[in-house]
């Protein structure tokens, strides 16, 4: 199974930290792996809101369907803004 999450305005080091919190270990630059899953973070072109650039990245999580669902749900909770 493969899940793609677009992450906006969250520092890359923070996203990688979330993957470690979810049970993974860093395996390379912007890459992590855990039991039954792997994840990589890819830079995207920033969005523009007037003169402000909004950083964007693509998080790709692949592996066992149950593990991917668990990791993607955890990451979505972490990167979603709460007001």
Protein backbone atom coordinates (compact mmCIF):
# COMPACT_ATOMS: atom_id res chain seq x y z
CA UNK A 1 0.00 0.00 0.00
CA UNK A 2 1.15 3.54 -0.71
CA UNK A 3 -0.11 6.76 0.89
CA UNK A 4 0.91 10.27 -0.18
CA UNK A 5 0.46 13.20 2.20
CA UNK A 6 1.12 16.77 1.15
CA UNK A 7 2.65 18.66 4.05
CA UNK A 8 2.54 22.46 4.11
CA UNK A 9 4.43 24.84 6.32
CA UNK A 10 5.88 22.14 8.61
CA UNK A 11 9.69 21.99 8.85
CA UNK A 12 11.17 18.83 7.37
CA UNK A 13 13.04 17.99 10.58
CA UNK A 14 9.70 18.05 12.42
CA UNK A 15 8.07 15.62 9.95
CA UNK A 16 11.02 13.26 10.34
CA UNK A 17 10.69 13.54 14.12
CA UNK A 18 7.02 12.52 13.84
CA UNK A 19 8.06 9.41 11.89
CA UNK A 20 10.55 8.51 14.63
CA UNK A 21 7.82 9.04 17.26
CA UNK A 22 5.64 6.64 15.26
CA UNK A 23 8.25 3.90 15.71
CA UNK A 24 10.58 4.45 12.78
CA UNK A 25 14.29 5.02 12.53
CA UNK A 26 16.06 7.39 10.18
CA UNK A 27 17.64 5.46 7.32
CA UNK A 28 18.94 8.32 5.20
CA UNK A 29 18.44 11.96 4.39
CA UNK A 30 14.67 12.54 4.66
CA UNK A 31 13.99 8.79 4.83
CA UNK A 32 12.71 6.60 7.64
CA UNK A 33 11.65 3.00 8.08
CA UNK A 34 9.81 0.97 10.65
CA UNK A 35 8.45 -2.53 11.01
CA UNK A 36 6.57 -3.12 7.75
CA UNK A 37 6.83 0.41 6.34
CA UNK A 38 9.15 2.97 4.76
CA UNK A 39 8.71 6.71 4.29
CA UNK A 40 10.43 9.42 2.29
CA UNK A 41 9.97 13.17 2.16
CA UNK A 42 10.28 14.99 -1.17
CA UNK A 43 10.41 18.75 -1.72
CA UNK A 44 7.70 20.33 -3.87
CA UNK A 45 7.53 23.78 -5.41
CA UNK A 46 6.20 26.25 -2.84
CA UNK A 47 2.72 27.72 -3.15
CA UNK A 48 2.43 31.47 -3.36
CA UNK A 49 -0.02 33.57 -1.40
CA UNK A 50 0.61 37.07 -2.64
CA UNK A 51 4.26 37.69 -1.89
CA UNK A 52 4.46 34.92 0.73
CA UNK A 53 5.90 31.51 -0.20
CA UNK A 54 4.31 28.53 1.54
CA UNK A 55 6.71 25.58 1.76
CA UNK A 56 5.34 22.22 0.60
CA UNK A 57 6.64 18.66 0.81
CA UNK A 58 5.30 15.27 -0.24
CA UNK A 59 5.49 12.46 2.32
CA UNK A 60 5.29 9.00 0.74
CA UNK A 61 4.62 6.08 3.08
CA UNK A 62 4.74 2.53 1.68
CA UNK A 63 4.46 -0.96 3.10
CA UNK A 64 2.05 -3.26 4.90
CA UNK A 65 -1.48 -1.80 4.66
CA UNK A 66 -2.17 -1.90 8.42
CA UNK A 67 1.13 -0.27 9.27
CA UNK A 68 0.80 2.37 6.56
CA UNK A 69 -2.70 3.28 7.76
CA UNK A 70 -1.45 3.55 11.34
CA UNK A 71 1.57 5.70 10.44
CA UNK A 72 -0.34 7.94 8.04
CA UNK A 73 -3.11 8.55 10.62
CA UNK A 74 -0.49 9.48 13.24
CA UNK A 75 1.33 11.85 10.88
CA UNK A 76 -1.92 13.48 9.72
CA UNK A 77 -2.85 14.20 13.35
CA UNK A 78 0.58 15.73 13.96
CA UNK A 79 0.69 18.00 10.91
CA UNK A 80 -2.93 19.17 11.05
CA UNK A 81 -3.32 22.64 12.48
CA UNK A 82 -5.43 22.88 15.59
CA UNK A 83 -7.04 26.18 16.47
